[in-house]
Protein backbone atom coordinates (compact mmCIF):
# COMPACT_ATOMS: atom_id res chain seq x y z
CA UNK A 1 173.21 398.94 63.02
CA UNK A 2 175.45 396.40 64.84
CA UNK A 3 174.04 392.97 65.68
CA UNK A 4 174.96 393.52 69.35
CA UNK A 5 172.35 396.30 69.48
CA UNK A 6 169.55 393.93 68.48
CA UNK A 7 170.76 391.37 70.99
CA UNK A 8 170.75 393.99 73.74
CA UNK A 9 167.27 395.17 72.71
CA UNK A 10 165.98 391.60 72.81
CA UNK A 11 167.45 390.99 76.27
CA UNK A 12 166.00 394.27 77.55
CA UNK A 13 162.54 393.33 76.30
CA UNK A 14 162.73 389.93 78.01
CA UNK A 15 163.81 391.54 81.29
CA UNK A 16 160.86 393.93 81.15
CA UNK A 17 158.45 391.07 80.51
CA UNK A 18 159.84 389.04 83.41
CA UNK A 19 159.80 391.96 85.87
CA UNK A 20 156.83 394.29 85.45
CA UNK A 21 157.04 395.98 88.85
CA UNK A 22 158.10 399.32 87.36
CA UNK A 23 157.21 398.97 83.68
CA UNK A 24 153.94 397.38 82.61
CA UNK A 25 152.09 396.73 79.38
CA UNK A 26 149.26 399.27 79.36
CA UNK A 27 147.30 397.04 76.97
CA UNK A 28 147.56 394.05 79.32
CA UNK A 29 144.47 392.52 80.92
CA UNK A 30 146.12 391.82 84.31
CA UNK A 31 148.24 394.89 84.99
CA UNK A 32 149.92 395.26 88.42
CA UNK A 33 148.55 398.80 88.86
CA UNK A 34 144.99 397.61 88.26
CA UNK A 35 145.48 394.69 90.63
CA UNK A 36 146.65 397.08 93.36
CA UNK A 37 143.45 399.10 92.95
CA UNK A 38 141.32 395.94 92.94
CA UNK A 39 142.98 394.72 96.14
CA UNK A 40 142.05 397.97 97.91
CA UNK A 41 138.50 397.78 96.55
CA UNK A 42 138.31 394.14 97.69
CA UNK A 43 138.97 395.28 101.27
CA UNK A 44 136.19 397.86 101.16
CA UNK A 45 133.63 395.83 99.22
CA UNK A 46 134.00 392.02 99.13
CA UNK A 47 135.44 391.84 102.65
CA UNK A 48 132.64 393.99 104.08
CA UNK A 49 130.01 391.92 102.26
CA UNK A 50 131.55 388.77 103.73
CA UNK A 51 131.44 390.21 107.27
CA UNK A 52 127.78 391.15 106.77
CA UNK A 53 127.03 387.61 105.59
CA UNK A 54 128.74 386.21 108.71
CA UNK A 55 126.76 388.51 110.96
CA UNK A 56 123.51 387.48 109.27
CA UNK A 57 124.29 383.78 109.58
CA UNK A 58 125.79 383.84 113.10
CA UNK A 59 123.35 386.41 114.54
CA UNK A 60 125.94 388.17 116.70
CA UNK A 61 126.60 391.89 116.33
CA UNK A 62 128.51 392.73 119.51
CA UNK A 63 131.96 394.31 119.41
CA UNK A 64 134.23 391.27 119.45
CA UNK A 65 132.42 389.63 116.55
CA UNK A 66 132.09 392.73 114.38
CA UNK A 67 135.53 394.19 115.13
CA UNK A 68 137.62 391.03 115.46
CA UNK A 69 136.12 387.64 114.62
CA UNK A 70 134.37 388.39 111.33
CA UNK A 71 137.33 390.34 109.86
CA UNK A 72 139.75 387.65 111.11
CA UNK A 73 137.83 384.88 109.34
CA UNK A 74 137.67 386.93 106.14
CA UNK A 75 141.43 387.41 106.41
CA UNK A 76 142.03 383.71 107.10
CA UNK A 77 140.08 382.71 103.97
CA UNK A 78 142.09 385.11 101.81
CA UNK A 79 145.35 383.76 103.26
CA UNK A 80 144.21 380.21 102.47
CA UNK A 81 143.24 381.13 98.91
CA UNK A 82 146.65 382.76 98.39
CA UNK A 83 148.53 379.71 99.69
CA UNK A 84 146.49 377.39 97.47
CA UNK A 85 146.97 379.63 94.43
CA UNK A 86 150.74 379.65 94.96
CA UNK A 87 150.93 375.86 95.25
CA UNK A 88 148.71 375.24 92.23
CA UNK A 89 150.64 377.77 90.14
CA UNK A 90 153.95 376.12 91.06
CA UNK A 91 152.59 372.65 90.27
CA UNK A 92 151.29 373.72 86.87
CA UNK A 93 154.56 375.50 85.98
CA UNK A 94 156.53 372.38 86.88
CA UNK A 95 154.20 370.15 84.87
CA UNK A 96 154.40 372.45 81.86
CA UNK A 97 158.21 372.36 81.95
CA UNK A 98 158.30 368.58 82.13
CA UNK A 99 155.71 367.94 79.40
CA UNK A 100 157.18 370.57 77.07
CA UNK A 101 160.62 369.05 77.48
CA UNK A 102 159.25 365.57 76.72
CA UNK A 103 157.41 366.78 73.63
CA UNK A 104 160.38 368.72 72.24
CA UNK A 105 162.80 365.85 72.73
CA UNK A 106 160.35 363.41 71.13
CA UNK A 107 158.71 365.73 68.61
CA UNK A 108 159.20 363.39 65.58
CA UNK A 109 157.40 360.56 67.40
CA UNK A 110 154.51 362.80 68.51
CA UNK A 111 154.16 364.19 65.00
CA UNK A 112 154.21 360.74 63.45
CA UNK A 113 151.58 359.45 65.88
CA UNK A 114 149.20 362.31 65.15
CA UNK A 115 149.84 362.11 61.38
CA UNK A 116 148.99 358.39 61.41
CA UNK A 117 145.83 359.00 63.46
CA UNK A 118 144.69 361.70 61.03
CA UNK A 119 145.22 359.40 58.08
CA UNK A 120 143.23 356.61 59.73
CA UNK A 121 140.47 359.08 60.63
CA UNK A 122 140.14 360.17 57.00
CA UNK A 123 139.70 356.48 56.10
CA UNK A 124 137.01 356.12 58.75
CA UNK A 125 139.15 353.95 61.03
CA UNK A 126 139.92 356.40 63.88
CA UNK A 127 137.84 358.74 66.09
CA UNK A 128 138.22 362.51 65.91
CA UNK A 129 140.50 362.73 68.95
CA UNK A 130 143.87 361.22 69.82
CA UNK A 131 145.07 360.83 73.43
CA UNK A 132 148.69 361.29 74.46
CA UNK A 133 149.90 359.98 77.83
CA UNK A 134 152.71 361.56 79.84
CA UNK A 135 154.61 360.23 82.85
CA UNK A 136 156.27 362.91 84.96
CA UNK A 137 157.72 362.88 88.48
CA UNK A 138 155.52 364.48 91.13
CA UNK A 139 158.36 366.68 92.37
CA UNK A 140 161.57 368.04 90.97
CA UNK A 141 163.27 371.14 89.66
CA UNK A 142 161.81 370.80 86.20
CA UNK A 143 163.75 371.24 82.98
CA UNK A 144 165.36 374.62 82.21
CA UNK A 145 166.29 373.72 78.65
CA UNK A 146 163.36 375.69 77.22
CA UNK A 147 163.46 378.76 79.46
CA UNK A 148 162.17 381.17 76.80
CA UNK A 149 159.16 378.93 76.14
CA UNK A 150 158.38 378.72 79.88
CA UNK A 151 158.75 382.49 80.28
CA UNK A 152 156.26 383.05 77.45
CA UNK A 153 153.88 380.58 79.12
CA UNK A 154 154.08 382.55 82.38
CA UNK A 155 153.38 385.76 80.50
CA UNK A 156 150.37 384.14 78.82
CA UNK A 157 149.12 382.84 82.20
CA UNK A 158 149.31 386.36 83.60
CA UNK A 159 147.21 387.73 80.76
CA UNK A 160 144.45 385.10 80.95
CA UNK A 161 144.35 385.05 84.78
CA UNK A 162 141.28 387.35 85.09
CA UNK A 163 139.16 384.97 83.00
CA UNK A 164 140.77 381.70 84.11
CA UNK A 165 138.45 379.02 85.52
CA UNK A 166 139.33 378.76 89.22
CA UNK A 167 136.03 377.38 90.47
CA UNK A 168 137.54 373.92 91.03
CA UNK A 169 139.69 375.36 93.84
CA UNK A 170 136.86 376.74 95.97
CA UNK A 171 135.94 373.48 97.69
CA UNK A 172 139.46 372.69 98.90
CA UNK A 173 139.88 376.29 100.10
CA UNK A 174 136.68 375.97 102.10
CA UNK A 175 137.88 372.71 103.66
CA UNK A 176 141.31 374.07 104.59
CA UNK A 177 139.77 377.28 105.94
CA UNK A 178 137.55 375.25 108.26
CA UNK A 179 140.58 373.38 109.62
CA UNK A 180 142.44 376.65 110.17
CA UNK A 181 139.38 378.08 111.89
CA UNK A 182 139.38 375.11 114.28
CA UNK A 183 143.08 375.61 115.01
CA UNK A 184 142.51 379.32 115.61
CA UNK A 185 139.93 378.50 118.30
CA UNK A 186 142.21 375.87 119.81
CA UNK A 187 145.15 378.27 120.03
CA UNK A 188 143.13 381.26 121.25
CA UNK A 189 141.03 380.14 124.21
CA UNK A 190 139.34 383.56 124.40
CA UNK A 191 137.81 383.12 120.92
CA UNK A 192 134.02 382.69 121.08
CA UNK A 193 133.58 382.27 117.33
CA UNK A 194 133.05 378.50 116.99
CA UNK A 195 133.63 376.91 113.55
CA UNK A 196 130.43 376.52 111.55
CA UNK A 197 129.95 374.89 108.14
CA UNK A 198 126.88 377.04 107.44
CA UNK A 199 128.95 380.20 107.59
CA UNK A 200 131.47 378.91 105.07
CA UNK A 201 128.59 377.84 102.83
CA UNK A 202 127.21 381.37 103.08
CA UNK A 203 130.66 382.68 102.08
CA UNK A 204 130.88 380.66 98.86
CA UNK A 205 130.81 383.82 96.73
CA UNK A 206 133.52 385.42 98.86
CA UNK A 207 135.73 382.32 98.68
CA UNK A 208 135.43 382.32 94.89
CA UNK A 209 136.31 386.04 94.80
CA UNK A 210 139.38 385.37 96.98
CA UNK A 211 140.77 382.75 94.63
CA UNK A 212 140.08 384.97 91.61
CA UNK A 213 142.04 387.79 93.23
CA UNK A 214 144.94 385.70 94.51
CA UNK A 215 145.28 383.83 91.19
CA UNK A 216 145.83 387.18 89.50
CA UNK A 217 148.46 387.95 92.17
CA UNK A 218 150.53 384.78 91.83
CA UNK A 219 150.58 385.01 88.02
CA UNK A 220 152.20 388.46 88.09
CA UNK A 221 155.82 388.66 86.92
CA UNK A 222 157.24 388.49 89.53
CA UNK A 223 154.32 387.29 91.71
CA UNK A 224 152.78 389.68 94.21
CA UNK A 225 152.83 388.60 97.85
CA UNK A 226 150.56 388.69 100.87
CA UNK A 227 152.27 389.51 104.17
CA UNK A 228 150.68 387.81 107.19
CA UNK A 229 153.41 385.88 109.03
CA UNK A 230 155.14 388.48 111.21
CA UNK A 231 155.13 388.07 114.98
CA UNK A 232 156.41 391.60 115.72
CA UNK A 233 154.78 394.88 114.77
CA UNK A 234 156.58 396.92 112.09
CA UNK A 235 155.16 400.37 111.42
CA UNK A 236 156.40 400.25 107.83
CA UNK A 237 154.22 397.28 106.89
CA UNK A 238 151.62 397.03 109.68
CA UNK A 239 148.78 399.15 111.00
CA UNK A 240 147.29 398.57 114.45
CA UNK A 241 143.54 398.39 115.05
CA UNK A 242 141.98 399.89 118.17
CA UNK A 243 140.23 396.93 119.72
CA UNK A 244 141.19 393.84 121.74
CA UNK A 245 138.74 390.97 122.27
CA UNK A 246 139.03 390.46 126.01
CA UNK A 247 138.31 394.11 126.87
CA UNK A 248 134.89 395.74 127.12
CA UNK A 249 136.15 399.28 126.44
CA UNK A 250 137.72 400.49 123.21
CA UNK A 251 141.46 400.92 123.60
CA UNK A 252 143.77 403.14 121.59
CA UNK A 253 146.78 401.91 119.63
CA UNK A 254 149.01 403.18 122.47
CA UNK A 255 147.58 400.48 124.77
CA UNK A 256 148.92 397.76 122.50
CA UNK A 257 152.42 396.37 122.58
CA UNK A 258 154.64 395.17 119.73
CA UNK A 259 153.70 391.47 119.76
CA UNK A 260 151.16 390.69 117.05
CA UNK A 261 148.17 388.71 118.29
CA UNK A 262 146.55 388.15 114.88
CA UNK A 263 146.09 389.63 111.44
CA UNK A 264 142.76 391.17 110.53
CA UNK A 265 143.84 391.79 106.94
CA UNK A 266 147.07 390.83 105.17
CA UNK A 267 149.45 393.34 103.66
CA UNK A 268 150.15 393.47 99.94
CA UNK A 269 153.70 393.58 98.54
CA UNK A 270 155.16 393.43 95.06
CA UNK A 271 157.55 390.69 93.99
CA UNK A 272 160.52 392.54 95.45
CA UNK A 273 158.93 393.06 98.86
CA UNK A 274 157.92 396.70 98.35
CA UNK A 275 154.92 397.60 100.50
CA UNK A 276 151.78 398.35 98.51
CA UNK A 277 149.28 398.20 101.37
CA UNK A 278 149.85 397.82 105.10
CA UNK A 279 148.49 394.82 106.94
CA UNK A 280 145.93 395.44 109.68
CA UNK A 281 146.97 393.69 112.89
CA UNK A 282 145.77 393.27 116.44
CA UNK A 283 148.62 393.46 118.97
CA UNK A 284 148.75 392.13 122.50
CA UNK A 285 148.30 394.56 125.39
CA UNK A 286 151.35 396.12 126.95
CA UNK A 287 152.46 394.52 130.16
CA UNK A 288 151.77 396.81 133.12
């Protein structure tokens, strides 16, 4: 069989690994199809539990709080977890590229250092561990000289994502969510849902679940996306809810215009922008 065939087969396998939107490893632990199902279940289960916890803590069960404020805060926390997961994933990928490049270019020195430390340890003159120090820029493009190694790292990250320790991210997500909650109330003068630390403390389990879910999303190849930035309604990716906060009667979707007031739940898209689940939005009333 010609060598070109094996080269083509190898390239095809790499392309499948790097883009698993249509073809996935059925033995994988973080499959896109399973993540899609888990995202839908998250809406029906974790999100509802979070809204119940808010209602218990805030002691308000009237329409605006149940229909708008509690779902909006749950949505805001998920958005924050997603943004943090993306930034942390990018930072780790960059760091891995830089450190791997340093180690490969200086592999004889690293090997010699460890060999010497092992020899001294056997003689009783060195502890069991050896510490290497790395200096890398905080920002940059990162080295592309070891692309295959980096691609394999991303694939490994995707597989271990469900069991990865993300607990260290929960505190910063809670802090950022509180700041966004404050800004929400500043921007929307009709909002009666004042920021409260006790509520975020009561949502600790939900915050942790959000980062677990979004970490699995950003480690997909290519990463899945949350859609929550549109200002105009698009029926292909949005779904209107039938309630507006300043009204006392329930209004139908026909009463709402095309300008989005806020998201009550973000939409889910694959790495190419294909809609997986519509976002739930609240639109402003039509001008009469």
